[in-house]
């Protein structure tokens, strides 16, 4: 088994940030296929998206604390999720909310206890059996390499939400541990004692109160599109919330054909390019203020959601990136 090195820890931190970005176009595509914005399913996915943006911010801050920078690329769907064992997380197809989409969302957020394929060694030899195990391995790498091998610089780190029960700015190993625990808790929930019995219930996957997200924008960020967005069923993990959708009657959704060159899809692709273009310099030195870049990233994400809905209304599946 390979040994952890500083480079491998940094590489795993890069991948963690990329995995968080991977969920965002996928979940927006599924959410905007729902015709009724007031449906429970729409509100659940919208709340999860807010938390995924928080996770992206934390994972990118981890990169900086570990003496590197996040490098965001365009997610590629229909392929394996980076560093995750093929089959452990379903390869995502972009499509409407249906049984297949729900299974994909559940697979992405699946708790390690449900996966039941834990790698006790937690070495750098991926693939891992879940996103949770990937994060566990990242922290094991920090421990094995030694916390003193990293500068834990906060220069360039971002905090765009109010103070939470867990750190957003990563100043030391203890902060890294708590931030990772928060991401895991919101995604998969607190591990309950005893064996879980199928069929699982949302209440089987609670989130400790200190890890539940307080979705209030910090001082100076008034006007953020997410400051007033409620986190529906935030007492349950993403996995538990997606179980709620699975175990309820599905709302009416749009259908569509694959047409990446449709004018609305081309507009969506251009907006997504702008979003990635705003994210990448956020954690680096930039001539633009970081709050301007963050607002640009959020505004373009909101515009992407609007365009994704217009794609569905035009009868085409949203295509976020197309080479040809």
Protein backbone atom coordinates (compact mmCIF):
# COMPACT_ATOMS: atom_id res chain seq x y z
CA UNK A 1 0.00 0.00 0.00
CA UNK A 2 1.28 3.43 -0.93
CA UNK A 3 2.20 5.87 1.85
CA UNK A 4 0.67 9.28 2.26
CA UNK A 5 2.74 12.23 1.06
CA UNK A 6 1.99 15.93 1.14
CA UNK A 7 1.36 15.84 -2.60
CA UNK A 8 -1.15 12.98 -2.26
CA UNK A 9 -3.01 14.82 0.51
CA UNK A 10 -3.23 17.88 -1.72
CA UNK A 11 -4.39 15.76 -4.65
CA UNK A 12 -7.17 14.30 -2.51
CA UNK A 13 -8.20 17.79 -1.38
CA UNK A 14 -8.41 18.87 -5.03
CA UNK A 15 -10.65 15.91 -5.75
CA UNK A 16 -12.90 16.65 -2.77
CA UNK A 17 -13.58 20.14 -4.16
CA UNK A 18 -14.26 18.68 -7.61
CA UNK A 19 -16.69 16.10 -6.16
CA UNK A 20 -18.64 18.90 -4.46
CA UNK A 21 -18.88 20.78 -7.77
CA UNK A 22 -19.99 17.55 -9.50
CA UNK A 23 -23.23 17.49 -7.51
CA UNK A 24 -24.33 21.03 -8.36
CA UNK A 25 -25.26 20.86 -12.09
CA UNK A 26 -26.69 17.38 -11.50
CA UNK A 27 -28.96 18.46 -8.66
CA UNK A 28 -29.97 21.68 -10.44
CA UNK A 29 -30.91 19.68 -13.53
CA UNK A 30 -33.09 17.33 -11.49
CA UNK A 31 -34.62 20.14 -9.42
CA UNK A 32 -35.56 22.34 -12.38
CA UNK A 33 -37.32 19.43 -14.09
CA UNK A 34 -39.98 19.68 -11.34
CA UNK A 35 -42.86 21.81 -12.58
CA UNK A 36 -44.06 23.00 -9.18
CA UNK A 37 -41.49 25.13 -7.32
CA UNK A 38 -43.54 24.75 -4.15
CA UNK A 39 -43.40 20.96 -4.12
CA UNK A 40 -41.61 19.25 -1.26
CA UNK A 41 -39.17 17.56 -3.63
CA UNK A 42 -38.16 20.89 -5.22
CA UNK A 43 -37.59 22.51 -1.82
CA UNK A 44 -35.60 19.54 -0.52
CA UNK A 45 -33.21 19.57 -3.47
CA UNK A 46 -32.89 23.37 -3.30
CA UNK A 47 -31.84 23.14 0.35
CA UNK A 48 -29.33 20.41 -0.45
CA UNK A 49 -27.85 22.63 -3.17
CA UNK A 50 -27.23 25.41 -0.66
CA UNK A 51 -25.33 22.96 1.54
CA UNK A 52 -23.38 21.65 -1.45
CA UNK A 53 -22.18 25.20 -2.14
CA UNK A 54 -21.09 25.39 1.50
CA UNK A 55 -19.26 22.06 1.08
CA UNK A 56 -17.54 23.38 -2.05
CA UNK A 57 -16.39 26.44 -0.11
CA UNK A 58 -15.05 24.30 2.76
CA UNK A 59 -13.30 21.82 0.45
CA UNK A 60 -11.66 24.71 -1.41
CA UNK A 61 -10.58 26.24 1.91
CA UNK A 62 -9.05 22.90 2.84
CA UNK A 63 -6.98 23.07 -0.34
CA UNK A 64 -5.61 26.48 0.68
CA UNK A 65 -4.92 25.37 4.26
CA UNK A 66 -2.97 22.42 2.84
CA UNK A 67 -0.78 24.71 0.71
CA UNK A 68 -2.46 24.26 -2.64
CA UNK A 69 -5.34 25.76 -4.61
CA UNK A 70 -8.60 24.22 -5.84
CA UNK A 71 -8.76 23.59 -9.55
CA UNK A 72 -12.33 23.39 -10.81
CA UNK A 73 -13.07 21.67 -14.11
CA UNK A 74 -16.28 20.94 -15.95
CA UNK A 75 -17.92 17.82 -14.45
CA UNK A 76 -18.19 14.89 -16.80
CA UNK A 77 -21.30 12.82 -16.36
CA UNK A 78 -21.89 9.25 -17.54
CA UNK A 79 -18.38 8.55 -16.20
CA UNK A 80 -17.15 7.43 -12.79
CA UNK A 81 -16.98 9.93 -9.95
CA UNK A 82 -13.35 10.77 -9.20
CA UNK A 83 -11.61 8.59 -6.60
CA UNK A 84 -14.85 6.65 -5.92
CA UNK A 85 -15.15 2.92 -6.62
CA UNK A 86 -17.09 2.23 -9.85
CA UNK A 87 -20.57 1.09 -8.92
CA UNK A 88 -20.37 2.56 -5.42
CA UNK A 89 -21.71 5.82 -6.83
CA UNK A 90 -23.85 5.49 -9.92
CA UNK A 91 -22.55 7.22 -13.00
CA UNK A 92 -24.97 10.11 -13.38
CA UNK A 93 -27.14 10.75 -16.39
CA UNK A 94 -28.55 14.25 -16.59
CA UNK A 95 -32.31 13.90 -16.63
CA UNK A 96 -35.55 14.68 -14.84
CA UNK A 97 -36.60 13.64 -11.36
CA UNK A 98 -37.57 9.99 -11.69
CA UNK A 99 -36.74 6.70 -10.00
CA UNK A 100 -33.35 6.55 -11.73
CA UNK A 101 -32.43 10.09 -10.68
CA UNK A 102 -33.42 9.40 -7.07
CA UNK A 103 -31.27 6.26 -7.00
CA UNK A 104 -28.37 8.31 -8.35
CA UNK A 105 -28.78 10.99 -5.68
CA UNK A 106 -29.03 8.33 -2.97
CA UNK A 107 -25.91 6.61 -4.31
CA UNK A 108 -23.94 9.87 -4.19
CA UNK A 109 -24.95 10.58 -0.60
CA UNK A 110 -24.94 6.96 0.59
CA UNK A 111 -23.61 6.57 4.16
CA UNK A 112 -20.62 4.32 4.69
CA UNK A 113 -22.70 2.16 7.01
CA UNK A 114 -25.17 1.50 4.19
CA UNK A 115 -22.36 0.88 1.69
CA UNK A 116 -20.83 -1.60 4.17
CA UNK A 117 -17.53 -1.80 2.29
CA UNK A 118 -15.18 0.12 4.57
CA UNK A 119 -11.44 0.23 3.89
CA UNK A 120 -9.88 0.25 7.35
CA UNK A 121 -6.45 1.23 5.98
CA UNK A 122 -7.61 4.56 4.50
CA UNK A 123 -4.49 4.86 2.41
CA UNK A 124 -4.08 7.02 -0.69
CA UNK A 125 -4.84 4.03 -2.93
CA UNK A 126 -8.27 5.03 -4.16
CA UNK A 127 -10.98 4.26 -5.29
CA UNK A 128 -13.02 4.53 -2.10
CA UNK A 129 -16.41 2.99 -1.46
CA UNK A 130 -18.15 6.29 -0.65
CA UNK A 131 -17.59 10.03 -0.53
CA UNK A 132 -17.49 9.75 3.25
CA UNK A 133 -14.63 7.26 3.05
CA UNK A 134 -12.82 9.60 0.64
CA UNK A 135 -12.99 12.37 3.27
CA UNK A 136 -11.89 9.96 6.01
CA UNK A 137 -8.88 9.04 3.89
CA UNK A 138 -8.05 12.71 3.33
CA UNK A 139 -7.95 13.36 7.07
CA UNK A 140 -5.94 10.17 7.65
CA UNK A 141 -3.45 11.54 5.12
CA UNK A 142 -3.15 14.80 7.05
CA UNK A 143 -2.46 12.81 10.23
CA UNK A 144 0.06 10.48 8.61
CA UNK A 145 2.02 13.23 6.87
CA UNK A 146 1.91 15.39 9.98
CA UNK A 147 -0.03 18.55 10.66
CA UNK A 148 3.26 20.47 10.95
CA UNK A 149 3.94 19.82 7.26
CA UNK A 150 1.15 22.22 6.27
CA UNK A 151 1.09 25.99 6.78
CA UNK A 152 -2.65 26.19 7.56
CA UNK A 153 -2.67 29.60 5.95
CA UNK A 154 -6.00 31.41 5.97
CA UNK A 155 -4.98 33.92 3.28
CA UNK A 156 -7.41 33.44 0.43
CA UNK A 157 -9.85 31.26 2.35
CA UNK A 158 -13.49 32.26 2.01
CA UNK A 159 -16.44 32.51 4.41
CA UNK A 160 -19.68 33.47 2.73
CA UNK A 161 -22.18 32.27 5.33
CA UNK A 162 -22.78 33.26 8.93
CA UNK A 163 -20.89 31.47 11.68
CA UNK A 164 -21.93 27.83 11.97
CA UNK A 165 -21.44 25.18 14.62
CA UNK A 166 -18.41 24.07 12.61
CA UNK A 167 -15.52 26.02 11.07
CA UNK A 168 -15.57 27.35 7.55
CA UNK A 169 -12.06 28.83 7.75
CA UNK A 170 -9.50 26.06 8.30
CA UNK A 171 -6.73 27.23 10.64
CA UNK A 172 -5.42 23.90 11.96
CA UNK A 173 -5.91 20.13 12.01
CA UNK A 174 -8.77 20.38 14.51
CA UNK A 175 -10.65 22.73 12.16
CA UNK A 176 -10.06 20.35 9.27
CA UNK A 177 -11.48 17.46 11.28
CA UNK A 178 -14.60 19.39 12.31
CA UNK A 179 -15.21 20.76 8.81
CA UNK A 180 -14.92 17.28 7.32
CA UNK A 181 -17.28 15.92 9.98
CA UNK A 182 -19.81 18.62 9.06
CA UNK A 183 -19.68 17.70 5.36
CA UNK A 184 -20.09 14.03 6.19
CA UNK A 185 -22.89 14.66 8.68
CA UNK A 186 -24.92 16.79 6.29
CA UNK A 187 -24.43 14.27 3.49
CA UNK A 188 -24.96 10.96 5.27
CA UNK A 189 -26.07 11.77 8.83
CA UNK A 190 -24.99 10.63 12.28
CA UNK A 191 -24.26 6.93 12.53
CA UNK A 192 -26.98 5.37 14.64
CA UNK A 193 -26.27 2.50 17.06
CA UNK A 194 -27.08 -1.03 15.99
CA UNK A 195 -27.85 -2.39 12.57
CA UNK A 196 -30.00 -0.40 10.18
CA UNK A 197 -33.06 -2.24 8.95
CA UNK A 198 -34.46 -1.85 5.46
CA UNK A 199 -36.56 -0.12 4.34
CA UNK A 200 -34.61 2.82 5.68
CA UNK A 201 -36.41 5.89 7.03
CA UNK A 202 -35.27 9.52 6.88
CA UNK A 203 -35.10 9.52 10.68
CA UNK A 204 -32.45 6.79 10.48
CA UNK A 205 -30.03 9.47 9.22
CA UNK A 206 -30.22 12.48 11.57
CA UNK A 207 -27.78 15.38 11.61
CA UNK A 208 -26.42 16.51 14.97
CA UNK A 209 -27.73 20.02 15.72
CA UNK A 210 -24.22 21.52 15.69
CA UNK A 211 -23.75 20.31 12.10
CA UNK A 212 -27.12 21.53 10.82
CA UNK A 213 -26.61 24.47 8.50
CA UNK A 214 -27.68 27.93 9.57
CA UNK A 215 -28.38 29.41 6.16
CA UNK A 216 -27.87 33.10 6.82
CA UNK A 217 -25.49 35.17 4.74
CA UNK A 218 -22.79 36.99 6.74
CA UNK A 219 -22.76 40.72 7.35
CA UNK A 220 -22.14 42.58 4.11
CA UNK A 221 -23.61 39.86 1.89
CA UNK A 222 -27.20 41.12 1.80
CA UNK A 223 -28.82 40.23 -1.48
CA UNK A 224 -27.28 36.79 -1.68
CA UNK A 225 -29.77 34.55 -3.54
CA UNK A 226 -29.39 31.99 -0.77
CA UNK A 227 -29.67 34.05 2.40
CA UNK A 228 -33.41 33.40 2.75
CA UNK A 229 -33.50 29.90 1.28
CA UNK A 230 -34.77 27.47 3.93
CA UNK A 231 -33.08 24.12 4.42
CA UNK A 232 -36.12 21.85 4.35
CA UNK A 233 -35.78 18.82 6.64
CA UNK A 234 -32.27 19.93 7.60
CA UNK A 235 -32.48 17.73 10.67
CA UNK A 236 -31.93 14.82 8.28
CA UNK A 237 -28.92 14.20 6.05
CA UNK A 238 -29.05 14.52 2.29
CA UNK A 239 -29.49 10.76 2.15
CA UNK A 240 -32.44 10.97 4.54
CA UNK A 241 -33.99 13.87 2.63
CA UNK A 242 -33.68 12.01 -0.67
CA UNK A 243 -35.37 9.03 0.99
CA UNK A 244 -38.26 11.39 1.75
CA UNK A 245 -38.57 12.10 -1.99
CA UNK A 246 -38.30 8.42 -2.87
CA UNK A 247 -40.99 7.43 -0.38
CA UNK A 248 -43.46 10.11 -1.53
CA UNK A 249 -45.53 10.55 -4.65
CA UNK A 250 -43.32 12.16 -7.27
CA UNK A 251 -44.34 15.60 -8.57
CA UNK A 252 -45.05 16.31 -12.21
CA UNK A 253 -41.87 16.84 -14.20
CA UNK A 254 -40.80 17.94 -17.65
CA UNK A 255 -39.29 15.57 -20.17
CA UNK A 256 -36.80 16.38 -22.88
CA UNK A 257 -34.58 15.20 -25.69
CA UNK A 258 -30.79 15.45 -25.83
CA UNK A 259 -29.86 18.51 -27.87
CA UNK A 260 -26.66 20.19 -26.61
CA UNK A 261 -26.66 22.69 -29.50
CA UNK A 262 -30.13 24.03 -28.76
CA UNK A 263 -29.82 27.83 -28.32
CA UNK A 264 -30.95 27.69 -24.68
CA UNK A 265 -28.44 24.93 -23.96
CA UNK A 266 -25.71 27.00 -25.56
CA UNK A 267 -26.70 29.90 -23.30
CA UNK A 268 -26.56 27.54 -20.30
CA UNK A 269 -23.09 26.35 -21.31
CA UNK A 270 -21.84 29.93 -21.59
CA UNK A 271 -23.20 30.77 -18.13
CA UNK A 272 -21.61 27.68 -16.63
CA UNK A 273 -18.27 28.64 -18.17
CA UNK A 274 -18.69 32.02 -16.46
CA UNK A 275 -19.44 30.30 -13.15
CA UNK A 276 -16.28 28.16 -13.35
CA UNK A 277 -14.37 31.25 -14.42
CA UNK A 278 -15.49 33.03 -11.24
CA UNK A 279 -14.80 30.09 -8.93
CA UNK A 280 -11.23 29.31 -9.97
CA UNK A 281 -9.62 32.65 -9.01
CA UNK A 282 -11.63 32.91 -5.78
CA UNK A 283 -9.05 31.04 -3.72
CA UNK A 284 -6.05 32.60 -5.45
CA UNK A 285 -4.68 36.09 -5.76
CA UNK A 286 -6.96 38.07 -8.03
CA UNK A 287 -7.26 41.64 -9.22
CA UNK A 288 -10.99 41.40 -8.43
CA UNK A 289 -12.21 41.42 -4.81
CA UNK A 290 -13.21 37.97 -3.59
CA UNK A 291 -16.70 39.08 -2.61
CA UNK A 292 -17.25 40.26 -6.20
CA UNK A 293 -16.11 36.89 -7.56
CA UNK A 294 -18.31 34.99 -5.11
CA UNK A 295 -21.34 37.09 -6.02
CA UNK A 296 -20.57 36.47 -9.69
CA UNK A 297 -20.37 32.72 -9.07
CA UNK A 298 -23.68 32.70 -7.18
CA UNK A 299 -25.41 34.95 -9.70
CA UNK A 300 -24.27 32.80 -12.60
CA UNK A 301 -25.37 29.64 -10.76
CA UNK A 302 -28.79 31.20 -10.25
CA UNK A 303 -28.84 32.12 -13.96
CA UNK A 304 -27.84 28.56 -14.80
CA UNK A 305 -30.82 27.28 -12.81
CA UNK A 306 -33.12 29.65 -14.70
CA UNK A 307 -31.70 28.48 -18.03
CA UNK A 308 -31.94 24.83 -17.00
CA UNK A 309 -35.65 25.37 -16.31
CA UNK A 310 -36.02 27.04 -19.73
CA UNK A 311 -34.31 24.04 -21.33
CA UNK A 312 -36.87 21.71 -19.79
CA UNK A 313 -39.70 24.01 -20.85
CA UNK A 314 -38.32 23.95 -24.41
CA UNK A 315 -38.31 20.14 -24.38
CA UNK A 316 -34.54 19.61 -24.13
CA UNK A 317 -32.41 18.14 -21.36
CA UNK A 318 -30.02 20.72 -19.87
CA UNK A 319 -26.48 20.13 -21.16
CA UNK A 320 -23.97 22.05 -19.10
CA UNK A 321 -20.82 21.40 -21.09
CA UNK A 322 -20.32 20.36 -24.70
CA UNK A 323 -17.04 20.15 -26.58
CA UNK A 324 -18.25 20.08 -30.17
